[in-house]
Protein backbone atom coordinates (compact mmCIF):
# COMPACT_ATOMS: atom_id res chain seq x y z
CA MET A 1 -13.84 -13.98 -8.69
CA ILE A 2 -10.48 -14.46 -10.35
CA PRO A 3 -7.67 -11.98 -9.60
CA ASN A 4 -6.78 -9.96 -12.68
CA ILE A 5 -3.59 -7.98 -11.99
CA ASN A 6 -0.88 -7.30 -14.53
CA ALA A 7 2.64 -8.35 -13.53
CA ASN A 8 5.08 -5.51 -12.85
CA PRO A 9 8.42 -6.32 -14.56
CA ARG A 10 10.34 -3.27 -13.24
CA GLY A 11 13.54 -4.05 -11.41
CA ARG A 12 13.44 -7.73 -12.33
CA LYS A 13 16.47 -9.14 -14.19
CA ALA A 14 14.99 -12.56 -14.88
CA THR A 15 11.43 -13.60 -15.60
CA LYS A 16 9.40 -15.03 -12.77
CA ARG A 17 9.28 -18.80 -12.61
CA GLY A 18 6.09 -20.78 -12.46
CA ARG A 19 2.71 -20.46 -14.08
CA LYS A 20 1.92 -17.10 -15.67
CA PRO A 21 -0.84 -15.17 -13.89
CA LEU A 22 -4.05 -14.69 -15.83
CA PHE A 23 -4.50 -11.15 -17.12
CA ASN A 24 -7.19 -9.78 -19.40
CA SER A 25 -6.77 -6.07 -20.17
CA ALA A 26 -10.46 -5.57 -21.06
CA ILE A 27 -11.61 -6.96 -17.69
CA PHE A 28 -8.94 -4.92 -15.87
CA LYS A 29 -10.02 -1.70 -17.61
CA GLU A 30 -13.71 -2.29 -16.83
CA ARG A 31 -13.06 -3.07 -13.16
CA PHE A 32 -10.64 -0.16 -12.73
CA ASN A 33 -13.06 2.33 -14.30
CA THR A 34 -15.92 1.08 -12.14
CA ILE A 35 -13.95 1.36 -8.89
CA GLU A 36 -12.57 4.81 -9.75
CA ARG A 37 -16.06 6.03 -10.66
CA VAL A 38 -17.40 4.88 -7.27
CA PHE A 39 -14.55 6.68 -5.47
CA GLY A 40 -15.34 9.82 -7.49
CA TRP A 41 -19.00 9.67 -6.47
CA GLU A 42 -17.99 9.13 -2.85
CA ASP A 43 -15.63 12.15 -2.93
CA LYS A 44 -18.58 14.47 -3.56
CA PHE A 45 -19.52 14.00 0.09
CA ARG A 46 -17.06 16.15 2.03
CA ARG A 47 -17.82 14.51 5.37
CA LEU A 48 -16.69 11.14 3.98
CA LEU A 49 -13.71 12.63 2.17
CA LEU A 50 -12.22 14.35 5.23
CA ARG A 51 -13.44 11.81 7.83
CA PHE A 52 -14.47 14.10 10.68
CA ASP A 53 -16.07 11.25 12.63
CA ARG A 54 -14.23 9.65 15.50
CA LEU A 55 -16.50 6.62 15.67
CA SER A 56 -16.23 4.08 12.88
CA GLN A 57 -19.95 3.25 13.20
CA LEU A 58 -20.86 6.85 12.44
CA HIS A 59 -18.55 6.93 9.43
CA TYR A 60 -20.07 3.66 8.20
CA ALA A 61 -23.58 5.06 8.62
CA PHE A 62 -22.75 8.16 6.58
CA LYS A 63 -21.18 5.96 3.93
CA ILE A 64 -24.39 3.93 3.65
CA LEU A 65 -26.38 7.18 3.45
CA ALA A 66 -24.10 8.47 0.68
CA TYR A 67 -24.41 5.24 -1.32
CA THR A 68 -28.18 5.33 -0.88
CA MET A 69 -28.28 8.88 -2.23
CA ILE A 70 -26.05 7.89 -5.16
CA ASN A 71 -28.29 4.93 -6.02
CA LEU A 72 -31.47 7.00 -5.74
CA ARG A 73 -30.01 9.66 -8.01
CA HIS A 74 -29.09 7.12 -10.69
CA PHE A 75 -32.10 4.83 -10.50
CA CYS A 76 -34.81 7.45 -10.07
CA GLN A 77 -33.84 9.64 -13.03
CA GLY A 78 -36.26 7.55 -15.11
């Protein structure tokens, strides 16, 4: 996987030296939308959103359960 992050020119008086980083706006938009969509699906589960669990293993287990429910909902609509 190649990093695809746009350079932030704010506060810079001179351009950065060296090789320009690779940036493709179409790839950035697709990746950003995918990640934000996953976070939106995850936010529907209040227990994960507020993180009531003290144990990280329990939080991880509920996260797996939430992702399983999300996948079943999307793949079993048929």
